[in-house]
């Protein structure tokens, strides 16, 4: 990992094992509303590494486990 100090996880306590930070969080309505407002205003962005179709979920998981992504991996669900 190039700079483990930039790693933070709310899902994996192992982040701390490589020099990152594990953060315990509890959903809060006011905070989530504020984040939604920032997103709606275009002031909140999330870096994306890849957008893959749902059919490639196994590939997305493999990429995620490698730990080399530079953003989120998004699975696109087809509309019915």
N, C-alpha and C. Protein backbone atom coordinates (compact mmCIF):
# COMPACT_ATOMS: atom_id res chain seq x y z
N UNK A 1 0.85 -1.18 0.00
CA UNK A 1 0.00 0.00 0.00
C UNK A 1 0.89 1.23 0.00
N UNK A 2 0.64 2.13 -0.98
CA UNK A 2 1.48 3.31 -1.11
C UNK A 2 1.43 4.22 0.11
N UNK A 3 0.23 4.57 0.55
CA UNK A 3 0.07 5.48 1.68
C UNK A 3 -1.08 4.98 2.54
N UNK A 4 -0.78 4.09 3.46
CA UNK A 4 -1.82 3.47 4.29
C UNK A 4 -2.55 4.48 5.15
N UNK A 5 -1.96 5.64 5.40
CA UNK A 5 -2.63 6.64 6.23
C UNK A 5 -3.88 7.18 5.54
N UNK A 6 -4.02 6.93 4.23
CA UNK A 6 -5.20 7.39 3.49
C UNK A 6 -6.32 6.36 3.48
N UNK A 7 -6.09 5.21 4.12
CA UNK A 7 -7.08 4.15 4.12
C UNK A 7 -7.96 4.27 5.37
N UNK A 8 -9.26 4.26 5.16
CA UNK A 8 -10.22 4.25 6.26
C UNK A 8 -11.33 3.30 5.86
N UNK A 9 -11.82 2.53 6.81
CA UNK A 9 -12.88 1.58 6.50
C UNK A 9 -13.92 1.56 7.61
N UNK A 10 -15.17 1.47 7.19
CA UNK A 10 -16.26 1.29 8.15
C UNK A 10 -16.70 -0.17 8.14
N UNK A 11 -16.06 -0.98 7.27
CA UNK A 11 -16.48 -2.36 7.11
C UNK A 11 -15.43 -3.38 7.52
N UNK A 12 -14.17 -3.00 7.55
CA UNK A 12 -13.12 -3.98 7.75
C UNK A 12 -12.11 -3.50 8.79
N UNK A 13 -12.13 -4.13 9.95
CA UNK A 13 -11.20 -3.76 11.01
C UNK A 13 -9.75 -4.03 10.62
N UNK A 14 -9.53 -4.85 9.59
CA UNK A 14 -8.17 -5.16 9.14
C UNK A 14 -7.47 -3.95 8.56
N UNK A 15 -8.20 -2.87 8.27
CA UNK A 15 -7.57 -1.67 7.75
C UNK A 15 -6.47 -1.19 8.70
N UNK A 16 -6.69 -1.32 9.99
CA UNK A 16 -5.71 -0.88 10.98
C UNK A 16 -4.44 -1.72 10.92
N UNK A 17 -4.57 -2.96 10.49
CA UNK A 17 -3.40 -3.85 10.43
C UNK A 17 -2.37 -3.40 9.39
N UNK A 18 -2.80 -2.62 8.40
CA UNK A 18 -1.87 -2.15 7.37
C UNK A 18 -1.58 -0.66 7.51
N UNK A 19 -1.93 -0.09 8.65
CA UNK A 19 -1.62 1.31 8.91
C UNK A 19 -2.76 2.27 8.67
N UNK A 20 -3.90 1.76 8.29
CA UNK A 20 -5.07 2.60 8.06
C UNK A 20 -5.87 2.78 9.33
N UNK A 21 -7.10 3.18 9.18
CA UNK A 21 -7.97 3.45 10.32
C UNK A 21 -9.30 2.73 10.14
N UNK A 22 -9.75 2.06 11.19
CA UNK A 22 -11.09 1.49 11.21
C UNK A 22 -11.97 2.48 11.96
N UNK A 23 -13.11 2.84 11.38
CA UNK A 23 -13.99 3.82 11.99
C UNK A 23 -15.33 3.18 12.27
N UNK A 24 -15.74 3.19 13.53
CA UNK A 24 -17.06 2.67 13.89
C UNK A 24 -18.07 3.79 13.64
N UNK A 25 -19.10 3.47 12.91
CA UNK A 25 -20.12 4.48 12.61
C UNK A 25 -21.51 3.95 12.89
N UNK A 26 -22.38 4.87 13.19
CA UNK A 26 -23.79 4.56 13.37
C UNK A 26 -24.57 5.55 12.52
N UNK A 27 -25.47 5.07 11.64
CA UNK A 27 -26.22 5.99 10.80
C UNK A 27 -26.95 7.05 11.62
N UNK A 28 -26.91 8.27 11.14
CA UNK A 28 -27.56 9.38 11.81
C UNK A 28 -28.38 10.13 10.75
N UNK A 29 -29.66 10.29 10.99
CA UNK A 29 -30.55 10.91 10.01
C UNK A 29 -30.08 12.29 9.60
N UNK A 30 -29.70 13.12 10.54
CA UNK A 30 -29.29 14.49 10.22
C UNK A 30 -28.02 14.47 9.37
N UNK A 31 -27.06 13.62 9.74
CA UNK A 31 -25.81 13.55 8.96
C UNK A 31 -26.07 13.04 7.55
N UNK A 32 -26.90 12.00 7.42
CA UNK A 32 -27.20 11.46 6.10
C UNK A 32 -27.95 12.48 5.24
N UNK A 33 -28.83 13.26 5.85
CA UNK A 33 -29.55 14.31 5.13
C UNK A 33 -28.56 15.37 4.65
N UNK A 34 -27.63 15.75 5.51
CA UNK A 34 -26.62 16.75 5.13
C UNK A 34 -25.76 16.24 3.98
N UNK A 35 -25.37 14.96 4.02
CA UNK A 35 -24.59 14.39 2.92
C UNK A 35 -25.39 14.37 1.63
N UNK A 36 -26.67 14.03 1.72
CA UNK A 36 -27.54 14.05 0.55
C UNK A 36 -27.66 15.44 -0.04
N UNK A 37 -27.78 16.44 0.82
CA UNK A 37 -27.85 17.83 0.36
C UNK A 37 -26.57 18.24 -0.36
N UNK A 38 -25.41 17.84 0.20
CA UNK A 38 -24.14 18.16 -0.44
C UNK A 38 -24.03 17.48 -1.81
N UNK A 39 -24.47 16.23 -1.88
CA UNK A 39 -24.43 15.50 -3.15
C UNK A 39 -25.35 16.16 -4.17
N UNK A 40 -26.55 16.54 -3.74
CA UNK A 40 -27.50 17.20 -4.64
C UNK A 40 -26.94 18.52 -5.18
N UNK A 41 -26.17 19.20 -4.34
CA UNK A 41 -25.60 20.49 -4.72
C UNK A 41 -24.31 20.33 -5.54
N UNK A 42 -23.88 19.08 -5.75
CA UNK A 42 -22.66 18.84 -6.51
C UNK A 42 -21.40 19.12 -5.73
N UNK A 43 -21.50 19.22 -4.40
CA UNK A 43 -20.35 19.54 -3.56
C UNK A 43 -19.72 18.30 -2.92
N UNK A 44 -20.30 17.15 -3.17
CA UNK A 44 -19.78 15.90 -2.62
C UNK A 44 -19.56 14.95 -3.79
N UNK A 45 -18.36 14.51 -3.92
CA UNK A 45 -18.06 13.57 -4.99
C UNK A 45 -17.39 12.34 -4.41
N UNK A 46 -17.57 11.23 -5.07
CA UNK A 46 -16.96 9.98 -4.66
C UNK A 46 -16.11 9.50 -5.84
N UNK A 47 -14.82 9.30 -5.61
CA UNK A 47 -13.98 8.83 -6.72
C UNK A 47 -14.38 7.41 -7.11
N UNK A 48 -14.49 7.17 -8.41
CA UNK A 48 -14.85 5.86 -8.91
C UNK A 48 -13.66 5.21 -9.59
N UNK A 49 -13.46 3.95 -9.28
CA UNK A 49 -12.44 3.16 -9.97
C UNK A 49 -13.04 2.49 -11.19
N UNK A 50 -14.27 1.98 -11.03
CA UNK A 50 -14.90 1.26 -12.14
C UNK A 50 -16.40 1.19 -11.93
N UNK A 51 -17.12 1.15 -13.03
CA UNK A 51 -18.56 0.88 -13.02
C UNK A 51 -18.74 -0.38 -13.86
N UNK A 52 -19.20 -1.44 -13.23
CA UNK A 52 -19.33 -2.73 -13.90
C UNK A 52 -20.79 -3.19 -13.87
N UNK A 53 -21.19 -3.94 -14.89
CA UNK A 53 -22.55 -4.49 -14.86
C UNK A 53 -22.67 -5.54 -13.76
N UNK A 54 -23.86 -5.71 -13.24
CA UNK A 54 -24.10 -6.67 -12.16
C UNK A 54 -23.59 -8.06 -12.52
N UNK A 55 -23.66 -8.40 -13.80
CA UNK A 55 -23.19 -9.71 -14.25
C UNK A 55 -21.69 -9.91 -13.98
N UNK A 56 -20.96 -8.83 -13.74
CA UNK A 56 -19.53 -8.91 -13.46
C UNK A 56 -19.22 -8.70 -11.98
N UNK A 57 -20.16 -9.07 -11.12
CA UNK A 57 -19.97 -8.90 -9.68
C UNK A 57 -18.75 -9.66 -9.16
N UNK A 58 -18.52 -10.85 -9.70
CA UNK A 58 -17.35 -11.62 -9.27
C UNK A 58 -16.05 -10.88 -9.60
N UNK A 59 -16.00 -10.25 -10.77
CA UNK A 59 -14.83 -9.46 -11.15
C UNK A 59 -14.67 -8.25 -10.23
N UNK A 60 -15.77 -7.60 -9.90
CA UNK A 60 -15.73 -6.46 -8.98
C UNK A 60 -15.19 -6.89 -7.62
N UNK A 61 -15.63 -8.03 -7.14
CA UNK A 61 -15.17 -8.54 -5.85
C UNK A 61 -13.68 -8.85 -5.92
N UNK A 62 -13.24 -9.48 -7.00
CA UNK A 62 -11.83 -9.81 -7.16
C UNK A 62 -10.98 -8.54 -7.14
N UNK A 63 -11.42 -7.53 -7.89
CA UNK A 63 -10.69 -6.26 -7.92
C UNK A 63 -10.64 -5.61 -6.55
N UNK A 64 -11.75 -5.67 -5.84
CA UNK A 64 -11.81 -5.07 -4.50
C UNK A 64 -10.83 -5.76 -3.55
N UNK A 65 -10.78 -7.08 -3.62
CA UNK A 65 -9.90 -7.85 -2.73
C UNK A 65 -8.42 -7.61 -3.03
N UNK A 66 -8.10 -7.21 -4.25
CA UNK A 66 -6.70 -6.93 -4.59
C UNK A 66 -6.17 -5.73 -3.81
N UNK A 67 -7.07 -4.81 -3.45
CA UNK A 67 -6.65 -3.63 -2.68
C UNK A 67 -5.90 -2.59 -3.48
N UNK A 68 -6.06 -2.57 -4.79
CA UNK A 68 -5.31 -1.63 -5.63
C UNK A 68 -6.21 -0.61 -6.32
N UNK A 69 -7.46 -0.56 -5.95
CA UNK A 69 -8.37 0.37 -6.62
C UNK A 69 -8.11 1.80 -6.15
N UNK A 70 -8.49 2.74 -6.98
CA UNK A 70 -8.33 4.17 -6.66
C UNK A 70 -9.70 4.83 -6.57
N UNK A 71 -10.60 4.19 -5.89
CA UNK A 71 -11.96 4.71 -5.75
C UNK A 71 -12.92 3.55 -5.57
N UNK A 72 -14.18 3.86 -5.59
CA UNK A 72 -15.22 2.85 -5.39
C UNK A 72 -15.46 2.06 -6.66
N UNK A 73 -15.86 0.81 -6.47
CA UNK A 73 -16.30 -0.02 -7.58
C UNK A 73 -17.82 -0.09 -7.48
N UNK A 74 -18.48 0.30 -8.55
CA UNK A 74 -19.93 0.37 -8.57
C UNK A 74 -20.47 -0.75 -9.44
N UNK A 75 -21.49 -1.45 -8.94
CA UNK A 75 -22.19 -2.44 -9.73
C UNK A 75 -23.46 -1.80 -10.26
N UNK A 76 -23.61 -1.81 -11.57
CA UNK A 76 -24.78 -1.22 -12.22
C UNK A 76 -25.86 -2.29 -12.38
N UNK A 77 -27.03 -2.01 -11.80
CA UNK A 77 -28.15 -2.94 -11.86
C UNK A 77 -29.05 -2.54 -13.02
N UNK A 78 -29.29 -3.47 -13.94
CA UNK A 78 -30.14 -3.11 -15.09
C UNK A 78 -31.57 -2.82 -14.65
N UNK A 79 -32.17 -1.84 -15.29
CA UNK A 79 -33.57 -1.53 -14.97
C UNK A 79 -34.46 -2.56 -15.66
N UNK A 80 -35.57 -2.85 -15.03
CA UNK A 80 -36.45 -3.88 -15.61
C UNK A 80 -37.59 -3.29 -16.39
